[in-house]
Amino acid sequence: MATLSSRFSSLILLAMLNALSLSAFAQAVHALDYDTPAYVDFEFSEIAAPASERTISINLYRTGDFRQSTTVEFVTVEGTAEEGRDYKGTGGTLTFKPGEGYKTIYVDTLKPLDSDRAFQVKLTAPASTILLRDTVNVTLKAPAQPIGPLRLEITRAADGTVVLSWDGDSNCALERSSDPGAKKWETVSCSATVTQNHCEVTQPANEVFYAYRLRQP
């Protein structure tokens, strides 16, 4: 009987030790879960979208701890694009529910643009959440302007110099010929003075009469 009693006591002691070990393991797992942060990041750090696109989509991703809810705050910030004029300002709270790893912020544009303009979207989060990037730059791209035929204007100044001017691309090649009928043209080595969209080149006075033309790149 004493032997059976000792064996029974040993089994009870072993069961108690196993229970304590399982409890310690559960606490360790719980502590690990609690200490594992959530990481939130933008899909891109730079976004370029046509200004004609009425709604801009900005994607966020969460990694790390998926078992708890993760909350971030977002807000749009003006740049060269003006809130209320070029885009509709927005802000608020995004909550990743347990198991969710993907969210989208939507920003509405308001009108067509004649030049590229930009704004930002910024994130803030509690200390338990790590923001890999807290800012995304959004550029609203204006439509490309069609390039029409360039018109070269030639005037002679009082000192005999020749002033050549045109409106448009300053990278055009300026060519001249003393015999345009023979189609012998040479490139004029010069740099255009550009004021806004107006380009101007001054050539020195010369006894030779030259015809000039522009050649688009």
Protein backbone atom coordinates (compact mmCIF):
# COMPACT_ATOMS: atom_id res chain seq x y z
CA MET A 1 0.00 0.00 0.00
CA ALA A 2 2.83 2.39 0.82
CA THR A 3 4.29 1.79 -2.63
CA LEU A 4 0.99 2.58 -4.35
CA SER A 5 0.55 5.67 -2.21
CA SER A 6 4.04 6.89 -3.14
CA ARG A 7 3.38 6.32 -6.81
CA PHE A 8 0.07 8.15 -6.57
CA SER A 9 1.75 11.10 -4.83
CA SER A 10 4.43 11.19 -7.53
CA LEU A 11 1.80 11.29 -10.25
CA ILE A 12 0.03 14.18 -8.51
CA LEU A 13 3.33 16.04 -8.16
CA LEU A 14 4.18 15.44 -11.84
CA ALA A 15 0.75 16.69 -12.93
CA MET A 16 1.20 19.85 -10.81
CA LEU A 17 4.64 20.48 -12.35
CA ASN A 18 3.24 20.02 -15.87
CA ALA A 19 0.41 22.44 -15.10
CA LEU A 20 2.90 25.02 -13.82
CA SER A 21 5.04 24.55 -16.94
CA LEU A 22 2.04 25.00 -19.23
CA SER A 23 1.00 28.12 -17.30
CA ALA A 24 4.49 29.61 -17.61
CA PHE A 25 4.53 28.79 -21.34
CA ALA A 26 1.14 30.47 -21.84
CA GLN A 27 2.36 33.55 -19.99
CA ALA A 28 5.47 33.68 -22.16
CA VAL A 29 3.42 33.39 -25.34
CA HIS A 30 1.05 36.09 -24.11
CA ALA A 31 3.98 38.36 -23.27
CA LEU A 32 5.50 37.72 -26.70
CA ASP A 33 2.20 38.54 -28.42
CA TYR A 34 1.87 41.70 -26.39
CA ASP A 35 5.41 42.85 -27.12
CA THR A 36 5.28 42.19 -30.88
CA PRO A 37 4.50 45.57 -32.51
CA ALA A 38 2.47 46.29 -35.61
CA TYR A 39 4.30 47.88 -38.55
CA VAL A 40 2.39 50.21 -40.88
CA ASP A 41 3.80 51.52 -44.16
CA PHE A 42 2.69 53.27 -47.33
CA GLU A 43 2.84 51.20 -50.50
CA PHE A 44 4.98 53.93 -52.12
CA SER A 45 6.79 57.03 -50.85
CA GLU A 46 5.96 58.93 -54.07
CA ILE A 47 2.70 58.84 -56.05
CA ALA A 48 2.14 60.56 -59.39
CA ALA A 49 -1.41 60.63 -60.71
CA PRO A 50 -3.14 62.51 -63.53
CA ALA A 51 -4.98 65.56 -62.20
CA SER A 52 -7.90 64.41 -64.35
CA GLU A 53 -8.25 61.33 -62.12
CA ARG A 54 -11.10 62.29 -59.83
CA THR A 55 -10.03 60.12 -56.88
CA ILE A 56 -6.47 59.25 -55.81
CA SER A 57 -6.00 55.93 -53.99
CA ILE A 58 -3.20 55.70 -51.39
CA ASN A 59 -2.55 52.21 -50.04
CA LEU A 60 -1.30 51.24 -46.56
CA TYR A 61 0.00 47.87 -45.39
CA ARG A 62 0.29 46.38 -41.90
CA THR A 63 2.79 43.69 -40.94
CA GLY A 64 3.93 42.31 -37.59
CA ASP A 65 1.16 41.68 -35.09
CA PHE A 66 -2.07 40.75 -36.91
CA ARG A 67 -3.92 39.47 -33.81
CA GLN A 68 -4.86 42.84 -32.39
CA SER A 69 -6.46 45.98 -33.78
CA THR A 70 -4.08 48.69 -35.02
CA THR A 71 -5.18 52.31 -35.36
CA VAL A 72 -3.47 55.14 -37.27
CA GLU A 73 -4.47 58.75 -37.89
CA PHE A 74 -4.02 60.41 -41.29
CA VAL A 75 -4.32 63.95 -42.66
CA THR A 76 -3.60 65.72 -45.96
CA VAL A 77 -1.06 68.58 -45.94
CA GLU A 78 -0.84 71.34 -48.56
CA GLY A 79 2.16 71.73 -50.82
CA THR A 80 2.07 73.48 -54.18
CA ALA A 81 -1.44 72.00 -54.49
CA GLU A 82 -4.00 74.00 -52.51
CA GLU A 83 -6.58 72.31 -50.32
CA GLY A 84 -10.11 73.21 -51.35
CA ARG A 85 -8.92 74.40 -54.75
CA ASP A 86 -6.88 71.58 -56.29
CA TYR A 87 -7.91 68.72 -54.02
CA LYS A 88 -10.36 68.02 -51.22
CA GLY A 89 -8.56 67.90 -47.88
CA THR A 90 -9.31 64.89 -45.73
CA GLY A 91 -8.22 63.16 -42.55
CA GLY A 92 -9.41 60.66 -40.01
CA THR A 93 -8.76 57.30 -38.41
CA LEU A 94 -7.99 53.96 -40.02
CA THR A 95 -8.37 50.78 -38.00
CA PHE A 96 -6.84 47.48 -39.04
CA LYS A 97 -9.02 44.81 -37.46
CA PRO A 98 -7.45 41.51 -36.34
CA GLY A 99 -6.30 39.69 -39.45
CA GLU A 100 -6.45 42.80 -41.73
CA GLY A 101 -3.28 43.91 -43.45
CA TYR A 102 -4.48 46.36 -46.11
CA LYS A 103 -6.23 49.75 -46.05
CA THR A 104 -6.74 52.57 -48.58
CA ILE A 105 -6.99 56.34 -48.17
CA TYR A 106 -9.00 58.17 -50.86
CA VAL A 107 -8.38 61.80 -51.82
CA ASP A 108 -10.64 63.60 -54.33
CA THR A 109 -9.23 66.08 -56.86
CA LEU A 110 -11.27 69.16 -57.71
CA LYS A 111 -10.27 70.57 -61.11
CA PRO A 112 -7.97 70.18 -64.11
CA LEU A 113 -4.51 71.70 -63.68
CA ASP A 114 -2.27 73.61 -66.07
CA SER A 115 0.90 72.63 -64.17
CA ASP A 116 2.04 69.84 -61.83
CA ARG A 117 1.15 70.40 -58.17
CA ALA A 118 1.79 68.33 -55.04
CA PHE A 119 0.54 67.65 -51.53
CA GLN A 120 1.33 65.14 -48.77
CA VAL A 121 -0.51 62.62 -46.64
CA LYS A 122 0.92 62.20 -43.13
CA LEU A 123 0.37 59.45 -40.54
CA THR A 124 0.52 59.42 -36.76
CA ALA A 125 0.16 56.37 -34.51
CA PRO A 126 0.43 55.33 -30.84
CA ALA A 127 3.79 54.18 -29.49
CA SER A 128 2.82 50.51 -29.84
CA THR A 129 2.67 50.93 -33.65
CA ILE A 130 5.80 51.52 -35.74
CA LEU A 131 5.39 53.68 -38.85
CA LEU A 132 7.98 52.60 -41.41
CA ARG A 133 7.10 55.70 -43.47
CA ASP A 134 4.88 58.42 -42.05
CA THR A 135 4.60 60.57 -45.20
CA VAL A 136 3.72 60.04 -48.85
CA ASN A 137 4.19 62.73 -51.50
CA VAL A 138 1.37 62.95 -54.05
CA THR A 139 1.92 64.81 -57.34
CA LEU A 140 -1.06 65.76 -59.48
CA LYS A 141 0.19 65.68 -63.07
CA ALA A 142 -1.13 68.29 -65.49
CA PRO A 143 -1.81 67.09 -69.03
CA ALA A 144 1.02 67.55 -71.49
CA GLN A 145 0.53 70.60 -73.67
CA PRO A 146 0.65 69.91 -77.41
CA ILE A 147 3.58 71.52 -79.22
CA GLY A 148 2.50 73.32 -82.34
CA PRO A 149 4.66 74.64 -85.17
CA LEU A 150 7.16 77.22 -83.95
CA ARG A 151 7.31 80.62 -85.59
CA LEU A 152 10.73 82.25 -85.84
CA GLU A 153 10.76 86.04 -85.85
CA ILE A 154 13.85 87.85 -87.22
CA THR A 155 14.55 91.54 -86.62
CA ARG A 156 17.64 93.67 -87.20
CA ALA A 157 18.74 95.96 -84.39
CA ALA A 158 20.14 99.45 -84.85
CA ASP A 159 23.68 98.21 -84.30
CA GLY A 160 23.32 95.74 -87.15
CA THR A 161 22.91 92.65 -85.00
CA VAL A 162 20.18 90.16 -85.82
CA VAL A 163 17.69 89.19 -83.10
CA LEU A 164 15.93 85.85 -83.54
CA SER A 165 13.03 84.99 -81.23
CA TRP A 166 10.27 82.42 -80.84
CA ASP A 167 7.77 81.18 -78.28
CA GLY A 168 8.08 77.56 -77.21
CA ASP A 169 10.78 74.95 -76.73
CA SER A 170 14.19 76.47 -75.90
CA ASN A 171 15.89 73.19 -76.91
CA CYS A 172 15.15 73.73 -80.59
CA ALA A 173 18.16 73.82 -82.89
CA LEU A 174 18.71 77.14 -84.67
CA GLU A 175 20.10 76.71 -88.17
CA ARG A 176 21.27 79.16 -90.85
CA SER A 177 22.17 79.05 -94.52
CA SER A 178 23.69 81.50 -96.99
CA ASP A 179 22.16 79.43 -99.78
CA PRO A 180 18.84 77.95 -98.60
CA GLY A 181 17.96 76.89 -102.14
CA ALA A 182 20.86 74.44 -102.06
CA LYS A 183 19.56 73.09 -98.74
CA LYS A 184 22.92 73.67 -97.06
CA TRP A 185 22.13 74.47 -93.45
CA GLU A 186 24.51 74.74 -90.52
CA THR A 187 23.71 74.72 -86.82
CA VAL A 188 24.21 78.04 -85.06
CA SER A 189 26.19 77.50 -81.88
CA CYS A 190 24.34 79.59 -79.30
CA SER A 191 22.26 79.51 -76.15
CA ALA A 192 18.82 81.05 -76.10
CA THR A 193 17.86 83.60 -73.48
CA VAL A 194 14.55 82.36 -72.06
CA THR A 195 11.96 84.60 -70.40
CA GLN A 196 8.97 82.49 -69.36
CA ASN A 197 8.12 80.84 -72.69
CA HIS A 198 9.87 83.36 -74.95
CA CYS A 199 13.27 82.44 -76.43
CA GLU A 200 15.70 84.93 -77.97
CA VAL A 201 19.09 84.70 -79.70
CA THR A 202 21.24 87.60 -80.91
CA GLN A 203 23.62 87.09 -83.82
CA PRO A 204 26.43 89.55 -84.63
CA ALA A 205 26.29 91.76 -87.70
CA ASN A 206 27.78 90.10 -90.78
CA GLU A 207 28.25 91.09 -94.38
CA VAL A 208 26.88 87.68 -95.41
CA PHE A 209 23.09 87.46 -95.58
CA TYR A 210 21.78 84.37 -93.79
CA ALA A 211 18.39 82.72 -93.80
CA TYR A 212 17.44 81.17 -90.43
CA ARG A 213 15.13 78.34 -89.39
CA LEU A 214 14.22 76.31 -86.31
CA ARG A 215 14.39 72.54 -86.05
CA GLN A 216 12.49 70.89 -83.23
CA PRO A 217 14.30 68.14 -81.27
